[in-house]
Amino acid sequence: MREKVIQNDPKGMGAFIMAANEIEMMPKLATGKGKTIVLDNFFNNEWQKGPAGAQVPFHYVWDERDNNGYQFLGNLFEQYGAKLQTLKAAPTAANLSKVSVYIIVDADTDKETAQPNYMTEAYATTIANWVKAGGVLVLLGNNSVNAEQLHINLLAEKFGYVSMAMIS
């Protein structure tokens, strides 16, 4: 507090930039209000031993902070007013009815999960119908060694896409 005041001193610049950023974001903060962003945990359902020794879901989940997690992405959605949920059950018209965005990432292979939940024609049709009614689907895959491709393509094909792993 005894430091001499100097004109154009850059010491307050960081705080000023952060405050300016917050002010610029204010009009956009309601963008996600009333929207629910759902992260799939049915097709991607991997588990590992947690710090307390119990099995916990991991790999592309909202509360995971490392590079395999979506905590940062979830925080961005929440910052704009959206609610986050995880869908642990199979997608149905009922459990997607109040969802704005459905994110499916890295469908499991039998190497990753003892009993993977594969995409079926019925699930793909349910999701495609939900999209046609206004839902937003984000379908993210991985390479064919680390993600199931064959069954998840049932969904991609509903929108005219097919995995590169299927083209040969």
N, C-alpha and C. Protein backbone atom coordinates (compact mmCIF):
# COMPACT_ATOMS: atom_id res chain seq x y z
N MET A 1 0.81 -1.19 0.00
CA MET A 1 0.00 0.00 0.00
C MET A 1 0.86 1.26 0.00
N ARG A 2 2.13 1.10 0.21
CA ARG A 2 3.00 2.28 0.25
C ARG A 2 3.67 2.53 -1.09
N GLU A 3 3.36 1.71 -2.06
CA GLU A 3 4.01 1.87 -3.35
C GLU A 3 3.53 3.15 -4.02
N LYS A 4 4.47 3.82 -4.62
CA LYS A 4 4.19 5.08 -5.29
C LYS A 4 3.30 4.83 -6.52
N VAL A 5 2.33 5.70 -6.75
CA VAL A 5 1.46 5.61 -7.92
C VAL A 5 2.23 6.12 -9.12
N ILE A 6 2.28 5.29 -10.15
CA ILE A 6 3.00 5.63 -11.38
C ILE A 6 2.00 5.58 -12.53
N GLN A 7 2.01 6.60 -13.35
CA GLN A 7 1.11 6.64 -14.49
C GLN A 7 1.47 5.52 -15.49
N ASN A 8 0.44 4.84 -16.03
CA ASN A 8 0.61 3.74 -16.99
C ASN A 8 1.37 2.54 -16.41
N ASP A 9 1.26 2.34 -15.11
CA ASP A 9 1.89 1.18 -14.46
C ASP A 9 1.13 -0.08 -14.87
N PRO A 10 1.81 -1.11 -15.39
CA PRO A 10 1.11 -2.30 -15.89
C PRO A 10 0.67 -3.27 -14.79
N LYS A 11 0.91 -2.98 -13.53
CA LYS A 11 0.60 -3.95 -12.47
C LYS A 11 -0.88 -4.34 -12.42
N GLY A 12 -1.77 -3.46 -12.74
CA GLY A 12 -3.20 -3.78 -12.69
C GLY A 12 -3.76 -4.31 -14.00
N MET A 13 -2.89 -4.52 -14.97
CA MET A 13 -3.35 -4.91 -16.30
C MET A 13 -4.05 -6.27 -16.30
N GLY A 14 -3.52 -7.26 -15.59
CA GLY A 14 -4.13 -8.59 -15.57
C GLY A 14 -5.54 -8.53 -15.01
N ALA A 15 -5.71 -7.84 -13.89
CA ALA A 15 -7.05 -7.71 -13.30
C ALA A 15 -7.98 -6.96 -14.24
N PHE A 16 -7.47 -5.94 -14.91
CA PHE A 16 -8.29 -5.18 -15.86
C PHE A 16 -8.74 -6.06 -17.02
N ILE A 17 -7.85 -6.86 -17.57
CA ILE A 17 -8.20 -7.74 -18.70
C ILE A 17 -9.23 -8.77 -18.26
N MET A 18 -9.05 -9.33 -17.08
CA MET A 18 -10.02 -10.31 -16.59
C MET A 18 -11.40 -9.66 -16.38
N ALA A 19 -11.43 -8.47 -15.83
CA ALA A 19 -12.71 -7.77 -15.62
C ALA A 19 -13.36 -7.44 -16.96
N ALA A 20 -12.56 -6.99 -17.94
CA ALA A 20 -13.10 -6.68 -19.27
C ALA A 20 -13.68 -7.93 -19.91
N ASN A 21 -13.02 -9.05 -19.75
CA ASN A 21 -13.52 -10.32 -20.29
C ASN A 21 -14.86 -10.69 -19.66
N GLU A 22 -14.98 -10.53 -18.35
CA GLU A 22 -16.23 -10.84 -17.65
C GLU A 22 -17.35 -9.93 -18.15
N ILE A 23 -17.07 -8.66 -18.35
CA ILE A 23 -18.10 -7.73 -18.83
C ILE A 23 -18.54 -8.09 -20.24
N GLU A 24 -17.61 -8.47 -21.10
CA GLU A 24 -17.97 -8.86 -22.47
C GLU A 24 -18.81 -10.13 -22.50
N MET A 25 -18.63 -11.01 -21.53
CA MET A 25 -19.38 -12.27 -21.48
C MET A 25 -20.80 -12.07 -20.97
N MET A 26 -21.06 -11.03 -20.23
CA MET A 26 -22.35 -10.86 -19.56
C MET A 26 -23.57 -11.02 -20.48
N PRO A 27 -23.58 -10.41 -21.67
CA PRO A 27 -24.78 -10.58 -22.52
C PRO A 27 -24.99 -12.02 -22.98
N LYS A 28 -23.94 -12.83 -23.01
CA LYS A 28 -24.04 -14.20 -23.51
C LYS A 28 -24.33 -15.21 -22.40
N LEU A 29 -24.29 -14.79 -21.16
CA LEU A 29 -24.41 -15.73 -20.05
C LEU A 29 -25.73 -16.48 -20.02
N ALA A 30 -26.75 -15.95 -20.60
CA ALA A 30 -28.05 -16.62 -20.59
C ALA A 30 -28.24 -17.53 -21.80
N THR A 31 -27.24 -17.66 -22.67
CA THR A 31 -27.36 -18.46 -23.88
C THR A 31 -27.83 -19.88 -23.59
N GLY A 32 -27.33 -20.48 -22.54
CA GLY A 32 -27.67 -21.86 -22.23
C GLY A 32 -28.80 -22.02 -21.23
N LYS A 33 -29.37 -20.91 -20.77
CA LYS A 33 -30.43 -20.98 -19.75
C LYS A 33 -31.59 -21.83 -20.26
N GLY A 34 -32.00 -22.79 -19.45
CA GLY A 34 -33.10 -23.67 -19.81
C GLY A 34 -32.69 -24.86 -20.67
N LYS A 35 -31.41 -24.93 -21.04
CA LYS A 35 -30.92 -26.04 -21.86
C LYS A 35 -30.25 -27.09 -20.97
N THR A 36 -30.38 -28.33 -21.37
CA THR A 36 -29.75 -29.44 -20.65
C THR A 36 -28.80 -30.15 -21.60
N ILE A 37 -27.56 -30.25 -21.18
CA ILE A 37 -26.51 -30.92 -21.95
C ILE A 37 -26.29 -32.28 -21.30
N VAL A 38 -26.48 -33.34 -22.06
CA VAL A 38 -26.36 -34.69 -21.52
C VAL A 38 -25.17 -35.41 -22.13
N LEU A 39 -24.35 -35.95 -21.27
CA LEU A 39 -23.19 -36.72 -21.69
C LEU A 39 -23.52 -38.21 -21.52
N ASP A 40 -23.34 -38.95 -22.58
CA ASP A 40 -23.63 -40.38 -22.58
C ASP A 40 -22.70 -41.14 -21.64
N ASN A 41 -23.26 -42.05 -20.89
CA ASN A 41 -22.49 -42.98 -20.08
C ASN A 41 -23.08 -44.39 -20.22
N PHE A 42 -23.74 -44.61 -21.37
CA PHE A 42 -24.31 -45.92 -21.68
C PHE A 42 -23.43 -46.61 -22.73
N PHE A 43 -23.17 -45.93 -23.83
CA PHE A 43 -22.31 -46.50 -24.88
C PHE A 43 -20.83 -46.37 -24.49
N ASN A 44 -20.50 -45.35 -23.70
CA ASN A 44 -19.16 -45.19 -23.15
C ASN A 44 -19.30 -45.38 -21.64
N ASN A 45 -18.98 -46.57 -21.17
CA ASN A 45 -19.23 -46.92 -19.77
C ASN A 45 -18.02 -47.63 -19.19
N GLU A 46 -16.93 -46.89 -19.08
CA GLU A 46 -15.69 -47.48 -18.56
C GLU A 46 -15.54 -47.17 -17.08
N TRP A 47 -14.94 -48.10 -16.35
CA TRP A 47 -14.76 -47.99 -14.90
C TRP A 47 -13.31 -48.25 -14.54
N GLN A 48 -12.90 -47.63 -13.44
CA GLN A 48 -11.57 -47.89 -12.89
C GLN A 48 -11.64 -47.75 -11.37
N LYS A 49 -10.61 -48.24 -10.71
CA LYS A 49 -10.56 -48.15 -9.25
C LYS A 49 -10.24 -46.71 -8.86
N GLY A 50 -11.09 -46.12 -8.04
CA GLY A 50 -10.91 -44.75 -7.57
C GLY A 50 -9.99 -44.68 -6.37
N PRO A 51 -9.73 -43.47 -5.84
CA PRO A 51 -8.82 -43.29 -4.70
C PRO A 51 -9.24 -44.06 -3.45
N ALA A 52 -10.54 -44.26 -3.25
CA ALA A 52 -11.03 -44.98 -2.07
C ALA A 52 -11.10 -46.48 -2.31
N GLY A 53 -10.71 -46.92 -3.53
CA GLY A 53 -10.71 -48.34 -3.84
C GLY A 53 -11.96 -48.84 -4.53
N ALA A 54 -13.01 -48.03 -4.55
CA ALA A 54 -14.26 -48.43 -5.21
C ALA A 54 -14.16 -48.16 -6.71
N GLN A 55 -14.93 -48.89 -7.48
CA GLN A 55 -14.97 -48.67 -8.93
C GLN A 55 -15.75 -47.38 -9.21
N VAL A 56 -15.19 -46.53 -10.07
CA VAL A 56 -15.83 -45.27 -10.45
C VAL A 56 -15.80 -45.13 -11.97
N PRO A 57 -16.83 -44.49 -12.55
CA PRO A 57 -16.80 -44.28 -14.00
C PRO A 57 -15.68 -43.30 -14.35
N PHE A 58 -15.05 -43.53 -15.49
CA PHE A 58 -14.02 -42.62 -15.96
C PHE A 58 -14.02 -42.60 -17.48
N HIS A 59 -13.25 -41.73 -18.03
CA HIS A 59 -13.04 -41.60 -19.47
C HIS A 59 -14.21 -40.87 -20.11
N TYR A 60 -14.05 -39.59 -20.28
CA TYR A 60 -15.09 -38.72 -20.87
C TYR A 60 -16.32 -38.62 -19.98
N VAL A 61 -16.11 -38.21 -18.74
CA VAL A 61 -17.21 -37.94 -17.82
C VAL A 61 -17.07 -36.50 -17.31
N TRP A 62 -18.17 -35.92 -16.86
CA TRP A 62 -18.18 -34.51 -16.46
C TRP A 62 -17.21 -34.19 -15.33
N ASP A 63 -17.08 -35.04 -14.35
CA ASP A 63 -16.27 -34.68 -13.18
C ASP A 63 -14.81 -35.11 -13.26
N GLU A 64 -14.37 -35.54 -14.40
CA GLU A 64 -12.97 -35.95 -14.56
C GLU A 64 -12.15 -34.75 -15.04
N ARG A 65 -11.09 -34.45 -14.28
CA ARG A 65 -10.30 -33.24 -14.55
C ARG A 65 -9.11 -33.45 -15.47
N ASP A 66 -8.70 -34.70 -15.71
CA ASP A 66 -7.52 -34.90 -16.54
C ASP A 66 -7.90 -34.82 -18.02
N ASN A 67 -6.97 -35.19 -18.89
CA ASN A 67 -7.20 -35.08 -20.33
C ASN A 67 -8.31 -35.98 -20.85
N ASN A 68 -8.69 -37.00 -20.09
CA ASN A 68 -9.77 -37.90 -20.49
C ASN A 68 -11.14 -37.39 -20.06
N GLY A 69 -11.18 -36.31 -19.31
CA GLY A 69 -12.42 -35.84 -18.73
C GLY A 69 -12.99 -34.62 -19.42
N TYR A 70 -14.23 -34.33 -19.06
CA TYR A 70 -14.94 -33.21 -19.67
C TYR A 70 -15.32 -32.14 -18.65
N GLN A 71 -14.59 -32.07 -17.54
CA GLN A 71 -14.92 -31.08 -16.53
C GLN A 71 -14.81 -29.66 -17.08
N PHE A 72 -13.76 -29.39 -17.82
CA PHE A 72 -13.58 -28.04 -18.38
C PHE A 72 -14.73 -27.69 -19.32
N LEU A 73 -15.07 -28.63 -20.22
CA LEU A 73 -16.18 -28.41 -21.14
C LEU A 73 -17.49 -28.21 -20.38
N GLY A 74 -17.72 -29.03 -19.39
CA GLY A 74 -18.93 -28.89 -18.57
C GLY A 74 -18.99 -27.53 -17.89
N ASN A 75 -17.86 -27.06 -17.37
CA ASN A 75 -17.82 -25.74 -16.73
C ASN A 75 -18.20 -24.64 -17.72
N LEU A 76 -17.76 -24.77 -18.96
CA LEU A 76 -18.12 -23.77 -19.98
C LEU A 76 -19.63 -23.77 -20.22
N PHE A 77 -20.23 -24.95 -20.35
CA PHE A 77 -21.68 -25.03 -20.53
C PHE A 77 -22.41 -24.39 -19.34
N GLU A 78 -21.97 -24.72 -18.13
CA GLU A 78 -22.61 -24.17 -16.94
C GLU A 78 -22.44 -22.66 -16.85
N GLN A 79 -21.29 -22.17 -17.28
CA GLN A 79 -21.03 -20.74 -17.27
C GLN A 79 -22.05 -19.98 -18.12
N TYR A 80 -22.55 -20.64 -19.14
CA TYR A 80 -23.55 -20.02 -20.02
C TYR A 80 -24.97 -20.40 -19.62
N GLY A 81 -25.15 -21.00 -18.45
CA GLY A 81 -26.47 -21.23 -17.90
C GLY A 81 -27.06 -22.60 -18.14
N ALA A 82 -26.37 -23.49 -18.84
CA ALA A 82 -26.92 -24.82 -19.13
C ALA A 82 -26.77 -25.74 -17.92
N LYS A 83 -27.63 -26.74 -17.84
CA LYS A 83 -27.54 -27.78 -16.81
C LYS A 83 -26.85 -28.99 -17.42
N LEU A 84 -26.05 -29.66 -16.60
CA LEU A 84 -25.36 -30.88 -17.05
C LEU A 84 -26.03 -32.10 -16.45
N GLN A 85 -26.12 -33.15 -17.26
CA GLN A 85 -26.60 -34.44 -16.78
C GLN A 85 -25.80 -35.53 -17.47
N THR A 86 -25.89 -36.72 -16.92
CA THR A 86 -25.27 -37.90 -17.50
C THR A 86 -26.36 -38.93 -17.75
N LEU A 87 -26.36 -39.50 -18.93
CA LEU A 87 -27.35 -40.53 -19.27
C LEU A 87 -26.68 -41.89 -19.14
N LYS A 88 -27.02 -42.60 -18.07
CA LYS A 88 -26.44 -43.91 -17.80
C LYS A 88 -27.27 -45.03 -18.42
N ALA A 89 -28.50 -44.73 -18.79
CA ALA A 89 -29.42 -45.73 -19.36
C ALA A 89 -29.41 -45.61 -20.88
N ALA A 90 -30.03 -46.59 -21.52
CA ALA A 90 -30.18 -46.55 -22.97
C ALA A 90 -31.02 -45.34 -23.36
N PRO A 91 -30.72 -44.72 -24.49
CA PRO A 91 -31.52 -43.55 -24.92
C PRO A 91 -32.93 -43.98 -25.32
N THR A 92 -33.90 -43.25 -24.81
CA THR A 92 -35.30 -43.47 -25.16
C THR A 92 -35.93 -42.12 -25.47
N ALA A 93 -37.08 -42.14 -26.11
CA ALA A 93 -37.79 -40.88 -26.38
C ALA A 93 -38.07 -40.16 -25.07
N ALA A 94 -38.41 -40.90 -24.03
CA ALA A 94 -38.73 -40.28 -22.74
C ALA A 94 -37.52 -39.62 -22.09
N ASN A 95 -36.38 -40.34 -22.02
CA ASN A 95 -35.24 -39.73 -21.32
C ASN A 95 -34.49 -38.71 -22.16
N LEU A 96 -34.80 -38.60 -23.43
CA LEU A 96 -34.22 -37.53 -24.27
C LEU A 96 -35.17 -36.34 -24.42
N SER A 97 -36.40 -36.47 -23.94
CA SER A 97 -37.42 -35.46 -24.20
C SER A 97 -37.09 -34.06 -23.68
N LYS A 98 -36.36 -33.95 -22.60
CA LYS A 98 -36.02 -32.64 -22.04
C LYS A 98 -34.55 -32.28 -22.27
N VAL A 99 -33.89 -33.01 -23.17
CA VAL A 99 -32.46 -32.81 -23.45
C VAL A 99 -32.31 -31.87 -24.65
N SER A 100 -31.39 -30.93 -24.55
CA SER A 100 -31.10 -30.02 -25.66
C SER A 100 -29.96 -30.55 -26.51
N VAL A 101 -28.91 -31.04 -25.84
CA VAL A 101 -27.72 -31.55 -26.54
C VAL A 101 -27.36 -32.90 -25.93
N TYR A 102 -27.14 -33.88 -26.78
CA TYR A 102 -26.76 -35.24 -26.35
C TYR A 102 -25.39 -35.53 -26.94
N ILE A 103 -24.40 -35.75 -26.06
CA ILE A 103 -23.03 -35.99 -26.48
C ILE A 103 -22.69 -37.47 -26.27
N ILE A 104 -22.35 -38.14 -27.37
CA ILE A 104 -21.90 -39.53 -27.30
C ILE A 104 -20.43 -39.54 -27.71
N VAL A 105 -19.58 -40.04 -26.83
CA VAL A 105 -18.14 -40.04 -27.07
C VAL A 105 -17.57 -41.44 -26.92
N ASP A 106 -16.78 -41.86 -27.88
CA ASP A 106 -15.94 -43.03 -27.71
C ASP A 106 -16.69 -44.28 -27.25
N ALA A 107 -17.58 -44.78 -28.09
CA ALA A 107 -18.32 -46.01 -27.74
C ALA A 107 -17.34 -47.14 -27.42
N ASP A 108 -17.69 -47.91 -26.40
CA ASP A 108 -16.78 -48.94 -25.88
C ASP A 108 -16.63 -50.15 -26.80
N THR A 109 -15.46 -50.74 -26.70
CA THR A 109 -15.18 -52.03 -27.32
C THR A 109 -15.20 -53.08 -26.21
N ASP A 110 -15.15 -54.34 -26.60
CA ASP A 110 -15.11 -55.39 -25.58
C ASP A 110 -13.76 -55.45 -24.86
N LYS A 111 -12.75 -54.74 -25.36
CA LYS A 111 -11.46 -54.65 -24.66
C LYS A 111 -11.54 -53.66 -23.50
N GLU A 112 -12.45 -52.69 -23.59
CA GLU A 112 -12.55 -51.63 -22.59
C GLU A 112 -13.59 -51.93 -21.51
N THR A 113 -14.62 -52.66 -21.88
CA THR A 113 -15.74 -52.92 -20.99
C THR A 113 -16.15 -54.38 -21.15
N ALA A 114 -16.37 -55.05 -20.03
CA ALA A 114 -16.71 -56.48 -20.08
C ALA A 114 -17.96 -56.74 -20.92
N GLN A 115 -18.96 -55.90 -20.78
CA GLN A 115 -20.19 -56.07 -21.55
C GLN A 115 -20.59 -54.71 -22.15
N PRO A 116 -19.97 -54.35 -23.26
CA PRO A 116 -20.28 -53.04 -23.85
C PRO A 116 -21.73 -52.96 -24.34
N ASN A 117 -22.28 -51.77 -24.25
CA ASN A 117 -23.61 -51.50 -24.79
C ASN A 117 -23.42 -50.98 -26.20
N TYR A 118 -23.73 -51.80 -27.17
CA TYR A 118 -23.56 -51.41 -28.56
C TYR A 118 -24.79 -50.65 -29.08
N MET A 119 -24.54 -49.76 -30.02
CA MET A 119 -25.62 -49.07 -30.71
C MET A 119 -26.44 -50.12 -31.46
N THR A 120 -27.75 -50.00 -31.41
CA THR A 120 -28.64 -50.88 -32.17
C THR A 120 -29.44 -50.03 -33.14
N GLU A 121 -30.12 -50.66 -34.04
CA GLU A 121 -30.98 -49.94 -34.98
C GLU A 121 -32.07 -49.18 -34.22
N ALA A 122 -32.61 -49.80 -33.18
CA ALA A 122 -33.66 -49.15 -32.39
C ALA A 122 -33.13 -47.90 -31.68
N TYR A 123 -31.95 -48.00 -31.05
CA TYR A 123 -31.36 -46.82 -30.39
C TYR A 123 -31.08 -45.73 -31.42
N ALA A 124 -30.51 -46.11 -32.55
CA ALA A 124 -30.16 -45.14 -33.60
C ALA A 124 -31.41 -44.43 -34.11
N THR A 125 -32.48 -45.17 -34.29
CA THR A 125 -33.74 -44.57 -34.76
C THR A 125 -34.30 -43.60 -33.72
N THR A 126 -34.27 -44.00 -32.46
CA THR A 126 -34.74 -43.13 -31.37
C THR A 126 -33.96 -41.82 -31.36
N ILE A 127 -32.65 -41.91 -31.44
CA ILE A 127 -31.81 -40.70 -31.42
C ILE A 127 -32.05 -39.86 -32.67
N ALA A 128 -32.12 -40.49 -33.84
CA ALA A 128 -32.35 -39.75 -35.09
C ALA A 128 -33.70 -39.03 -35.04
N ASN A 129 -34.72 -39.66 -34.52
CA ASN A 129 -36.02 -39.01 -34.40
C ASN A 129 -35.96 -37.82 -33.45
N TRP A 130 -35.22 -37.96 -32.37
CA TRP A 130 -35.03 -36.86 -31.41
C TRP A 130 -34.33 -35.69 -32.09
N VAL A 131 -33.30 -35.97 -32.91
CA VAL A 131 -32.60 -34.91 -33.65
C VAL A 131 -33.56 -34.23 -34.61
N LYS A 132 -34.34 -35.00 -35.33
CA LYS A 132 -35.30 -34.43 -36.29
C LYS A 132 -36.32 -33.54 -35.59
N ALA A 133 -36.59 -33.81 -34.32
CA ALA A 133 -37.53 -33.00 -33.55
C ALA A 133 -36.86 -31.77 -32.93
N GLY A 134 -35.56 -31.57 -33.20
CA GLY A 134 -34.88 -30.37 -32.71
C GLY A 134 -33.71 -30.58 -31.78
N GLY A 135 -33.43 -31.82 -31.38
CA GLY A 135 -32.29 -32.10 -30.51
C GLY A 135 -30.98 -31.95 -31.26
N VAL A 136 -29.93 -31.69 -30.52
CA VAL A 136 -28.59 -31.56 -31.10
C VAL A 136 -27.75 -32.74 -30.63
N LEU A 137 -27.24 -33.51 -31.59
CA LEU A 137 -26.39 -34.66 -31.30
C LEU A 137 -24.94 -34.30 -31.60
N VAL A 138 -24.07 -34.60 -30.65
CA VAL A 138 -22.63 -34.47 -30.86
C VAL A 138 -22.09 -35.90 -30.75
N LEU A 139 -21.63 -36.42 -31.87
CA LEU A 139 -21.13 -37.80 -31.92
C LEU A 139 -19.63 -37.75 -32.17
N LEU A 140 -18.87 -38.13 -31.15
CA LEU A 140 -17.41 -38.08 -31.24
C LEU A 140 -16.86 -39.50 -31.14
N GLY A 141 -15.95 -39.82 -32.02
CA GLY A 141 -15.35 -41.14 -32.02
C GLY A 141 -13.87 -41.07 -31.75
N ASN A 142 -13.25 -42.18 -31.90
CA ASN A 142 -11.82 -42.32 -31.72
C ASN A 142 -11.37 -43.24 -32.84
N ASN A 143 -10.12 -43.58 -32.87
CA ASN A 143 -9.67 -44.50 -33.90
C ASN A 143 -10.22 -45.90 -33.64
N SER A 144 -10.17 -46.75 -34.64
CA SER A 144 -10.83 -48.06 -34.55
C SER A 144 -10.20 -48.98 -33.50
N VAL A 145 -8.99 -48.70 -33.06
CA VAL A 145 -8.36 -49.51 -32.01
C VAL A 145 -8.94 -49.14 -30.64
N ASN A 146 -9.34 -47.88 -30.49
CA ASN A 146 -9.77 -47.39 -29.18
C ASN A 146 -11.25 -47.07 -29.07
N ALA A 147 -12.01 -47.31 -30.09
CA ALA A 147 -13.46 -47.05 -30.02
C ALA A 147 -14.20 -48.00 -30.95
N GLU A 148 -15.38 -48.36 -30.53
CA GLU A 148 -16.23 -49.24 -31.32
C GLU A 148 -16.73 -48.47 -32.54
N GLN A 149 -16.58 -49.03 -33.71
CA GLN A 149 -16.96 -48.34 -34.95
C GLN A 149 -18.16 -48.97 -35.65
N LEU A 150 -18.20 -50.27 -35.70
CA LEU A 150 -19.20 -50.97 -36.49
C LEU A 150 -20.63 -50.60 -36.07
N HIS A 151 -20.94 -50.74 -34.79
CA HIS A 151 -22.30 -50.50 -34.32
C HIS A 151 -22.63 -49.02 -34.25
N ILE A 152 -21.67 -48.20 -33.84
CA ILE A 152 -21.95 -46.76 -33.72
C ILE A 152 -22.26 -46.16 -35.09
N ASN A 153 -21.78 -46.81 -36.15
CA ASN A 153 -22.09 -46.34 -37.50
C ASN A 153 -23.56 -46.46 -37.85
N LEU A 154 -24.30 -47.30 -37.13
CA LEU A 154 -25.75 -47.36 -37.34
C LEU A 154 -26.37 -45.98 -37.10
N LEU A 155 -25.81 -45.27 -36.13
CA LEU A 155 -26.29 -43.92 -35.84
C LEU A 155 -25.74 -42.92 -36.86
N ALA A 156 -24.46 -42.98 -37.13
CA ALA A 156 -23.85 -42.04 -38.09
C ALA A 156 -24.52 -42.13 -39.46
N GLU A 157 -24.87 -43.34 -39.86
CA GLU A 157 -25.50 -43.55 -41.17
C GLU A 157 -26.87 -42.89 -41.26
N LYS A 158 -27.53 -42.70 -40.13
CA LYS A 158 -28.84 -42.02 -40.14
C LYS A 158 -28.72 -40.59 -40.66
N PHE A 159 -27.50 -40.06 -40.59
CA PHE A 159 -27.26 -38.68 -41.00
C PHE A 159 -26.36 -38.61 -42.23
N GLY A 160 -26.15 -39.75 -42.89
CA GLY A 160 -25.37 -39.79 -44.11
C GLY A 160 -23.88 -39.91 -43.92
N TYR A 161 -23.43 -40.27 -42.73
CA TYR A 161 -22.00 -40.40 -42.46
C TYR A 161 -21.64 -41.85 -42.19
N VAL A 162 -20.38 -42.16 -42.40
CA VAL A 162 -19.87 -43.48 -42.06
C VAL A 162 -18.43 -43.30 -41.62
N SER A 163 -18.00 -44.08 -40.67
CA SER A 163 -16.64 -44.02 -40.16
C SER A 163 -15.63 -44.38 -41.24
N MET A 164 -14.50 -43.73 -41.22
CA MET A 164 -13.42 -44.06 -42.16
C MET A 164 -12.95 -45.49 -41.96
N ALA A 165 -13.11 -46.02 -40.76
CA ALA A 165 -12.69 -47.40 -40.49
C ALA A 165 -13.55 -48.39 -41.27
N MET A 166 -14.72 -47.95 -41.72
CA MET A 166 -15.63 -48.83 -42.43
C MET A 166 -15.37 -48.80 -43.94
N ILE A 167 -14.58 -47.86 -44.39
CA ILE A 167 -14.30 -47.73 -45.83
C ILE A 167 -12.99 -48.44 -46.14
N SER A 168 -13.04 -49.48 -46.92
CA SER A 168 -11.80 -50.17 -47.31
C SER A 168 -12.04 -51.01 -48.55
